[in-house]
Amino acid sequence: MNKRECHYQPLPPRPDIAERTEKSTGGRRVSPRKRGSVVGSCHDPVNRREIQVESGLELKHILVLLAAPDIVELREQVGVSVRIGDRATTHWLDLVAYLDDDTRVAIGIKPADLVERSRLVEILEAIARQHGDKVAERFAVLTDRHLSRTCVANASLVLSCLHDRDDVAQQGVREYLAAAPETVTAREIADDTGWGTRAIRATFALVKYGAVAIPEGALLDDETPLRNLIGAAGACENR
């Protein structure tokens, strides 16, 4: 059946769900390193957990990672003992990302012009050499050069929509996508179903779950052509 032949029922009201937030799992509490530095926390809407943040750059990377479909969980401020030359110390990994393929990535975050001076690459290589995969299977350095305003804006919007916790609308959009073409916009879904803003925000939230994908470099809005990753085959069950 063509998706436009389906007759969609109105969605029931979205339940008013009280937000439950678990405390950070960070091994230490971050504090300002200098005047004007950014210290605070952000919320992981999928795992419902506070994540500590100690810089504006770190916050941007955390937002992008939290919205990525292959990231299951982020843990911040993970302490690891390491020997650099003759000195033994504890290095605090900014993040350890748990991926959906059951691997982990230990991440250091620094402005690009400070990476060499901080010896971050040397430290991560030493941790990998001394601990192997007890800490992580892979190690990475993320800088401001890995970010764009567009990807941060898209991630912020996806996370905002995830905070809605509108499971009913998300399930309805999934069923719509099963019979939709390979490319679709959130506005088309809203118009075809009659679900309005709830359909649009549910579609954006489903970016996290790999149901739709944003084209590289595109700014997410209700007219952005999204790749339908659920498939063009399927029946309209929400009739």
C-alpha atoms as a PDB file:
ATOM      1  CA  MET A   1       0.000   0.000   0.000  1.00  0.00           C
ATOM      2  CA  ASN A   2       1.253   3.444  -0.842  1.00  0.00           C
ATOM      3  CA  LYS A   3       1.914   5.457   2.286  1.00  0.00           C
ATOM      4  CA  ARG A   4      -0.393   8.252   1.113  1.00  0.00           C
ATOM      5  CA  GLU A   5      -3.311   5.802   1.031  1.00  0.00           C
ATOM      6  CA  CYS A   6      -2.922   5.125   4.764  1.00  0.00           C
ATOM      7  CA  HIS A   7      -5.328   6.776   7.166  1.00  0.00           C
ATOM      8  CA  TYR A   8      -3.499   7.754  10.310  1.00  0.00           C
ATOM      9  CA  GLN A   9      -5.303   8.055  13.612  1.00  0.00           C
ATOM     10  CA  PRO A  10      -4.593  11.048  15.881  1.00  0.00           C
ATOM     11  CA  LEU A  11      -1.869  10.413  18.414  1.00  0.00           C
ATOM     12  CA  PRO A  12      -2.878  10.105  22.050  1.00  0.00           C
ATOM     13  CA  PRO A  13      -1.630  12.906  24.292  1.00  0.00           C
ATOM     14  CA  ARG A  14       2.034  12.701  25.153  1.00  0.00           C
ATOM     15  CA  PRO A  15       2.351  11.595  28.795  1.00  0.00           C
ATOM     16  CA  ASP A  16       3.875  14.049  31.219  1.00  0.00           C
ATOM     17  CA  ILE A  17       6.935  12.047  32.275  1.00  0.00           C
ATOM     18  CA  ALA A  18       9.016  13.287  35.186  1.00  0.00           C
ATOM     19  CA  GLU A  19      12.672  13.444  34.187  1.00  0.00           C
ATOM     20  CA  ARG A  20      14.907  11.108  36.175  1.00  0.00           C
ATOM     21  CA  THR A  21      18.606  11.903  36.065  1.00  0.00           C
ATOM     22  CA  GLU A  22      21.329   9.723  37.510  1.00  0.00           C
ATOM     23  CA  LYS A  23      24.475  11.310  38.845  1.00  0.00           C
ATOM     24  CA  SER A  24      27.687  11.512  36.868  1.00  0.00           C
ATOM     25  CA  THR A  25      29.972   8.476  36.908  1.00  0.00           C
ATOM     26  CA  GLY A  26      33.038  10.718  36.598  1.00  0.00           C
ATOM     27  CA  GLY A  27      35.994   9.772  38.770  1.00  0.00           C
ATOM     28  CA  ARG A  28      36.465  13.384  39.893  1.00  0.00           C
ATOM     29  CA  ARG A  29      34.530  16.609  39.994  1.00  0.00           C
ATOM     30  CA  VAL A  30      35.785  19.117  37.492  1.00  0.00           C
ATOM     31  CA  SER A  31      36.642  22.653  38.556  1.00  0.00           C
ATOM     32  CA  PRO A  32      37.563  25.799  36.617  1.00  0.00           C
ATOM     33  CA  ARG A  33      41.188  25.803  35.477  1.00  0.00           C
ATOM     34  CA  LYS A  34      41.269  29.500  34.738  1.00  0.00           C
ATOM     35  CA  ARG A  35      39.043  32.540  34.849  1.00  0.00           C
ATOM     36  CA  GLY A  36      36.222  32.292  32.329  1.00  0.00           C
ATOM     37  CA  SER A  37      36.513  28.545  31.730  1.00  0.00           C
ATOM     38  CA  VAL A  38      33.269  26.625  31.257  1.00  0.00           C
ATOM     39  CA  VAL A  39      32.407  24.092  33.967  1.00  0.00           C
ATOM     40  CA  GLY A  40      29.045  22.445  34.350  1.00  0.00           C
ATOM     41  CA  SER A  41      27.089  19.467  33.136  1.00  0.00           C
ATOM     42  CA  CYS A  42      24.801  18.328  30.365  1.00  0.00           C
ATOM     43  CA  HIS A  43      22.165  15.617  30.278  1.00  0.00           C
ATOM     44  CA  ASP A  44      22.292  12.344  28.376  1.00  0.00           C
ATOM     45  CA  PRO A  45      18.598  11.898  27.437  1.00  0.00           C
ATOM     46  CA  VAL A  46      18.970   8.243  26.438  1.00  0.00           C
ATOM     47  CA  ASN A  47      20.813   6.969  29.508  1.00  0.00           C
ATOM     48  CA  ARG A  48      19.281   9.701  31.691  1.00  0.00           C
ATOM     49  CA  ARG A  49      22.550  10.637  33.287  1.00  0.00           C
ATOM     50  CA  GLU A  50      24.442  13.804  34.104  1.00  0.00           C
ATOM     51  CA  ILE A  51      27.730  14.272  32.250  1.00  0.00           C
ATOM     52  CA  GLN A  52      30.301  16.681  33.656  1.00  0.00           C
ATOM     53  CA  VAL A  53      31.735  19.266  31.294  1.00  0.00           C
ATOM     54  CA  GLU A  54      34.901  21.315  31.829  1.00  0.00           C
ATOM     55  CA  SER A  55      35.127  23.376  28.634  1.00  0.00           C
ATOM     56  CA  GLY A  56      32.985  24.772  25.863  1.00  0.00           C
ATOM     57  CA  LEU A  57      34.854  22.629  23.339  1.00  0.00           C
ATOM     58  CA  GLU A  58      34.199  19.517  25.402  1.00  0.00           C
ATOM     59  CA  LEU A  59      30.488  20.345  25.619  1.00  0.00           C
ATOM     60  CA  LYS A  60      30.210  20.631  21.840  1.00  0.00           C
ATOM     61  CA  HIS A  61      31.895  17.266  21.300  1.00  0.00           C
ATOM     62  CA  ILE A  62      29.711  15.629  23.957  1.00  0.00           C
ATOM     63  CA  LEU A  63      26.554  16.913  22.253  1.00  0.00           C
ATOM     64  CA  VAL A  64      27.650  15.576  18.865  1.00  0.00           C
ATOM     65  CA  LEU A  65      28.630  12.203  20.324  1.00  0.00           C
ATOM     66  CA  LEU A  66      25.413  11.832  22.326  1.00  0.00           C
ATOM     67  CA  ALA A  67      23.368  12.356  19.148  1.00  0.00           C
ATOM     68  CA  ALA A  68      25.398   9.839  17.112  1.00  0.00           C
ATOM     69  CA  PRO A  69      23.583   6.551  16.368  1.00  0.00           C
ATOM     70  CA  ASP A  70      26.617   4.350  17.081  1.00  0.00           C
ATOM     71  CA  ILE A  71      27.290   5.789  20.559  1.00  0.00           C
ATOM     72  CA  VAL A  72      25.644   3.768  23.327  1.00  0.00           C
ATOM     73  CA  GLU A  73      27.070   5.653  26.296  1.00  0.00           C
ATOM     74  CA  LEU A  74      29.663   8.227  27.293  1.00  0.00           C
ATOM     75  CA  ARG A  75      31.632   8.166  30.529  1.00  0.00           C
ATOM     76  CA  GLU A  76      33.673  11.176  31.481  1.00  0.00           C
ATOM     77  CA  GLN A  77      36.663  11.881  33.715  1.00  0.00           C
ATOM     78  CA  VAL A  78      37.997   8.317  33.719  1.00  0.00           C
ATOM     79  CA  GLY A  79      41.228   8.086  35.709  1.00  0.00           C
ATOM     80  CA  VAL A  80      44.050   5.922  34.368  1.00  0.00           C
ATOM     81  CA  SER A  81      47.497   5.419  35.885  1.00  0.00           C
ATOM     82  CA  VAL A  82      50.309   5.944  33.382  1.00  0.00           C
ATOM     83  CA  ARG A  83      54.072   6.292  33.410  1.00  0.00           C
ATOM     84  CA  ILE A  84      55.562   9.019  31.230  1.00  0.00           C
ATOM     85  CA  GLY A  85      59.346   8.688  31.281  1.00  0.00           C
ATOM     86  CA  ASP A  86      60.335   8.386  34.936  1.00  0.00           C
ATOM     87  CA  ARG A  87      57.131   9.922  36.252  1.00  0.00           C
ATOM     88  CA  ALA A  88      54.062   7.935  37.318  1.00  0.00           C
ATOM     89  CA  THR A  89      50.817   9.880  37.316  1.00  0.00           C
ATOM     90  CA  THR A  90      47.065   9.625  36.875  1.00  0.00           C
ATOM     91  CA  HIS A  91      45.698  10.899  33.569  1.00  0.00           C
ATOM     92  CA  TRP A  92      42.027  11.814  33.438  1.00  0.00           C
ATOM     93  CA  LEU A  93      40.527  10.786  30.118  1.00  0.00           C
ATOM     94  CA  ASP A  94      37.976  13.341  28.995  1.00  0.00           C
ATOM     95  CA  LEU A  95      35.652  10.650  27.665  1.00  0.00           C
ATOM     96  CA  VAL A  96      35.365   6.944  27.071  1.00  0.00           C
ATOM     97  CA  ALA A  97      32.767   6.254  24.370  1.00  0.00           C
ATOM     98  CA  TYR A  98      30.981   2.902  24.362  1.00  0.00           C
ATOM     99  CA  LEU A  99      29.951   1.943  20.832  1.00  0.00           C
ATOM    100  CA  ASP A 100      27.225  -0.334  19.523  1.00  0.00           C
ATOM    101  CA  ASP A 101      29.805  -2.840  18.273  1.00  0.00           C
ATOM    102  CA  ASP A 102      30.910  -3.459  21.890  1.00  0.00           C
ATOM    103  CA  THR A 103      34.141  -1.517  21.502  1.00  0.00           C
ATOM    104  CA  ARG A 104      35.324   1.552  23.419  1.00  0.00           C
ATOM    105  CA  VAL A 105      37.150   4.671  22.334  1.00  0.00           C
ATOM    106  CA  ALA A 106      39.202   6.641  24.866  1.00  0.00           C
ATOM    107  CA  ILE A 107      39.020  10.304  23.896  1.00  0.00           C
ATOM    108  CA  GLY A 108      41.126  13.322  24.714  1.00  0.00           C
ATOM    109  CA  ILE A 109      39.728  16.746  23.824  1.00  0.00           C
ATOM    110  CA  LYS A 110      41.939  19.779  23.250  1.00  0.00           C
ATOM    111  CA  PRO A 111      42.040  22.867  21.038  1.00  0.00           C
ATOM    112  CA  ALA A 112      44.131  21.991  17.986  1.00  0.00           C
ATOM    113  CA  ASP A 113      46.846  24.506  18.841  1.00  0.00           C
ATOM    114  CA  LEU A 114      47.318  22.965  22.309  1.00  0.00           C
ATOM    115  CA  VAL A 115      47.563  19.290  21.372  1.00  0.00           C
ATOM    116  CA  GLU A 116      51.313  19.231  20.835  1.00  0.00           C
ATOM    117  CA  ARG A 117      52.128  21.377  23.867  1.00  0.00           C
ATOM    118  CA  SER A 118      49.961  19.225  26.157  1.00  0.00           C
ATOM    119  CA  ARG A 119      51.675  16.018  24.958  1.00  0.00           C
ATOM    120  CA  LEU A 120      48.198  14.514  24.696  1.00  0.00           C
ATOM    121  CA  VAL A 121      49.047  12.135  21.862  1.00  0.00           C
ATOM    122  CA  GLU A 122      52.109  10.893  23.752  1.00  0.00           C
ATOM    123  CA  ILE A 123      50.037  10.300  26.886  1.00  0.00           C
ATOM    124  CA  LEU A 124      47.310   8.380  25.058  1.00  0.00           C
ATOM    125  CA  GLU A 125      49.901   6.267  23.262  1.00  0.00           C
ATOM    126  CA  ALA A 126      51.512   5.446  26.614  1.00  0.00           C
ATOM    127  CA  ILE A 127      48.149   4.418  28.086  1.00  0.00           C
ATOM    128  CA  ALA A 128      47.432   2.201  25.088  1.00  0.00           C
ATOM    129  CA  ARG A 129      50.862   0.626  25.334  1.00  0.00           C
ATOM    130  CA  GLN A 130      50.771   0.063  29.091  1.00  0.00           C
ATOM    131  CA  HIS A 131      47.126  -0.987  29.495  1.00  0.00           C
ATOM    132  CA  GLY A 132      46.120  -2.409  26.139  1.00  0.00           C
ATOM    133  CA  ASP A 133      42.394  -2.933  25.723  1.00  0.00           C
ATOM    134  CA  LYS A 134      41.735  -2.867  29.471  1.00  0.00           C
ATOM    135  CA  VAL A 135      41.006   0.823  29.004  1.00  0.00           C
ATOM    136  CA  ALA A 136      39.764   0.964  25.416  1.00  0.00           C
ATOM    137  CA  GLU A 137      40.180  -0.703  22.052  1.00  0.00           C
ATOM    138  CA  ARG A 138      40.882   2.612  20.347  1.00  0.00           C
ATOM    139  CA  PHE A 139      42.225   6.028  21.308  1.00  0.00           C
ATOM    140  CA  ALA A 140      41.414   9.362  19.679  1.00  0.00           C
ATOM    141  CA  VAL A 141      42.102  13.077  19.988  1.00  0.00           C
ATOM    142  CA  LEU A 142      39.243  15.450  19.151  1.00  0.00           C
ATOM    143  CA  THR A 143      39.838  19.149  18.522  1.00  0.00           C
ATOM    144  CA  ASP A 144      37.927  22.191  17.334  1.00  0.00           C
ATOM    145  CA  ARG A 145      38.861  21.183  13.786  1.00  0.00           C
ATOM    146  CA  HIS A 146      36.598  18.141  14.038  1.00  0.00           C
ATOM    147  CA  LEU A 147      33.530  20.310  14.619  1.00  0.00           C
ATOM    148  CA  SER A 148      31.297  22.585  12.588  1.00  0.00           C
ATOM    149  CA  ARG A 149      28.513  24.888  13.682  1.00  0.00           C
ATOM    150  CA  THR A 150      26.108  22.812  11.617  1.00  0.00           C
ATOM    151  CA  CYS A 151      26.924  19.483  13.254  1.00  0.00           C
ATOM    152  CA  VAL A 152      26.691  21.012  16.731  1.00  0.00           C
ATOM    153  CA  ALA A 153      23.356  22.680  15.898  1.00  0.00           C
ATOM    154  CA  ASN A 154      21.984  19.408  14.490  1.00  0.00           C
ATOM    155  CA  ALA A 155      23.080  17.455  17.554  1.00  0.00           C
ATOM    156  CA  SER A 156      21.522  20.021  19.905  1.00  0.00           C
ATOM    157  CA  LEU A 157      18.203  19.751  18.063  1.00  0.00           C
ATOM    158  CA  VAL A 158      18.227  15.945  18.079  1.00  0.00           C
ATOM    159  CA  LEU A 159      18.936  15.871  21.816  1.00  0.00           C
ATOM    160  CA  SER A 160      16.214  18.422  22.496  1.00  0.00           C
ATOM    161  CA  CYS A 161      13.710  16.177  20.698  1.00  0.00           C
ATOM    162  CA  LEU A 162      14.934  13.108  22.570  1.00  0.00           C
ATOM    163  CA  HIS A 163      14.089  14.919  25.800  1.00  0.00           C
ATOM    164  CA  ASP A 164      10.410  14.851  24.701  1.00  0.00           C
ATOM    165  CA  ARG A 165      10.351  11.086  25.343  1.00  0.00           C
ATOM    166  CA  ASP A 166       7.490  10.832  22.860  1.00  0.00           C
ATOM    167  CA  ASP A 167       7.665   7.077  22.330  1.00  0.00           C
ATOM    168  CA  VAL A 168       4.197   6.939  20.784  1.00  0.00           C
ATOM    169  CA  ALA A 169       5.046   9.482  18.085  1.00  0.00           C
ATOM    170  CA  GLN A 170       8.418   7.843  17.448  1.00  0.00           C
ATOM    171  CA  GLN A 171       6.766   4.453  16.934  1.00  0.00           C
ATOM    172  CA  GLY A 172       4.224   6.013  14.600  1.00  0.00           C
ATOM    173  CA  VAL A 173       6.976   7.634  12.529  1.00  0.00           C
ATOM    174  CA  ARG A 174       8.832   4.300  12.379  1.00  0.00           C
ATOM    175  CA  GLU A 175       5.727   2.661  10.934  1.00  0.00           C
ATOM    176  CA  TYR A 176       5.362   5.484   8.439  1.00  0.00           C
ATOM    177  CA  LEU A 177       8.988   5.114   7.356  1.00  0.00           C
ATOM    178  CA  ALA A 178       8.492   1.394   6.656  1.00  0.00           C
ATOM    179  CA  ALA A 179       6.348   2.343   3.659  1.00  0.00           C
ATOM    180  CA  ALA A 180       8.083   5.614   2.760  1.00  0.00           C
ATOM    181  CA  PRO A 181      10.596   6.269  -0.043  1.00  0.00           C
ATOM    182  CA  GLU A 182      14.341   6.386   0.440  1.00  0.00           C
ATOM    183  CA  THR A 183      14.301  10.152   1.021  1.00  0.00           C
ATOM    184  CA  VAL A 184      11.721  11.940   3.133  1.00  0.00           C
ATOM    185  CA  THR A 185      11.341  15.196   5.055  1.00  0.00           C
ATOM    186  CA  ALA A 186       9.933  15.644   8.531  1.00  0.00           C
ATOM    187  CA  ARG A 187       7.406  18.083   7.060  1.00  0.00           C
ATOM    188  CA  GLU A 188       6.120  15.405   4.673  1.00  0.00           C
ATOM    189  CA  ILE A 189       5.677  13.008   7.569  1.00  0.00           C
ATOM    190  CA  ALA A 190       3.844  15.652   9.604  1.00  0.00           C
ATOM    191  CA  ASP A 191       1.538  16.530   6.708  1.00  0.00           C
ATOM    192  CA  ASP A 192       0.810  12.934   5.657  1.00  0.00           C
ATOM    193  CA  THR A 193       0.022  11.752   9.186  1.00  0.00           C
ATOM    194  CA  GLY A 194      -1.595  14.906  10.505  1.00  0.00           C
ATOM    195  CA  TRP A 195       0.592  14.677  13.610  1.00  0.00           C
ATOM    196  CA  GLY A 196       2.156  18.094  13.179  1.00  0.00           C
ATOM    197  CA  THR A 197       5.007  19.163  15.400  1.00  0.00           C
ATOM    198  CA  ARG A 198       5.033  15.853  17.269  1.00  0.00           C
ATOM    199  CA  ALA A 199       5.828  14.012  14.041  1.00  0.00           C
ATOM    200  CA  ILE A 200       8.593  16.476  13.189  1.00  0.00           C
ATOM    201  CA  ARG A 201      10.251  16.235  16.595  1.00  0.00           C
ATOM    202  CA  ALA A 202       9.863  12.452  16.702  1.00  0.00           C
ATOM    203  CA  THR A 203      11.552  12.232  13.299  1.00  0.00           C
ATOM    204  CA  PHE A 204      14.472  14.319  14.544  1.00  0.00           C
ATOM    205  CA  ALA A 205      14.762  12.152  17.669  1.00  0.00           C
ATOM    206  CA  LEU A 206      14.966   9.046  15.475  1.00  0.00           C
ATOM    207  CA  VAL A 207      18.266  10.296  14.050  1.00  0.00           C
ATOM    208  CA  LYS A 208      19.793   8.966  17.278  1.00  0.00           C
ATOM    209  CA  TYR A 209      18.275   5.546  16.719  1.00  0.00           C
ATOM    210  CA  GLY A 210      19.438   5.215  13.134  1.00  0.00           C
ATOM    211  CA  ALA A 211      15.976   5.362  11.573  1.00  0.00           C
ATOM    212  CA  VAL A 212      16.810   8.428   9.474  1.00  0.00           C
ATOM    213  CA  ALA A 213      20.114  10.085   8.606  1.00  0.00           C
ATOM    214  CA  ILE A 214      21.005  13.711   7.936  1.00  0.00           C
ATOM    215  CA  PRO A 215      22.948  14.271   4.691  1.00  0.00           C
ATOM    216  CA  GLU A 216      26.524  15.313   5.349  1.00  0.00           C
ATOM    217  CA  GLY A 217      26.824  19.068   5.801  1.00  0.00           C
ATOM    218  CA  ALA A 218      23.063  19.681   5.836  1.00  0.00           C
ATOM    219  CA  LEU A 219      21.404  21.795   8.528  1.00  0.00           C
ATOM    220  CA  LEU A 220      18.522  19.884  10.095  1.00  0.00           C
ATOM    221  CA  ASP A 221      15.044  21.390   9.760  1.00  0.00           C
ATOM    222  CA  ASP A 222      11.612  20.158   8.726  1.00  0.00           C
ATOM    223  CA  GLU A 223      12.435  20.515   5.001  1.00  0.00           C
ATOM    224  CA  THR A 224      15.806  18.692   5.110  1.00  0.00           C
ATOM    225  CA  PRO A 225      15.741  15.605   2.849  1.00  0.00           C
ATOM    226  CA  LEU A 226      16.521  12.737   5.240  1.00  0.00           C
ATOM    227  CA  ARG A 227      17.703   9.279   4.276  1.00  0.00           C
ATOM    228  CA  ASN A 228      15.119   6.710   5.290  1.00  0.00           C
ATOM    229  CA  LEU A 229      17.114   3.862   6.844  1.00  0.00           C
ATOM    230  CA  ILE A 230      14.135   1.751   7.860  1.00  0.00           C
ATOM    231  CA  GLY A 231      13.235   0.923   4.267  1.00  0.00           C
ATOM    232  CA  ALA A 232      10.751   1.558   1.518  1.00  0.00           C
ATOM    233  CA  ALA A 233       8.934  -1.762   2.059  1.00  0.00           C
ATOM    234  CA  GLY A 234       6.274  -2.177   4.713  1.00  0.00           C
ATOM    235  CA  ALA A 235       2.592  -1.825   5.477  1.00  0.00           C
ATOM    236  CA  CYS A 236       0.655   0.907   7.182  1.00  0.00           C
ATOM    237  CA  GLU A 237      -0.250  -0.560  10.574  1.00  0.00           C
ATOM    238  CA  ASN A 238      -1.328   2.634  12.336  1.00  0.00           C
ATOM    239  CA  ARG A 239      -4.751   2.878  10.705  1.00  0.00           C
END
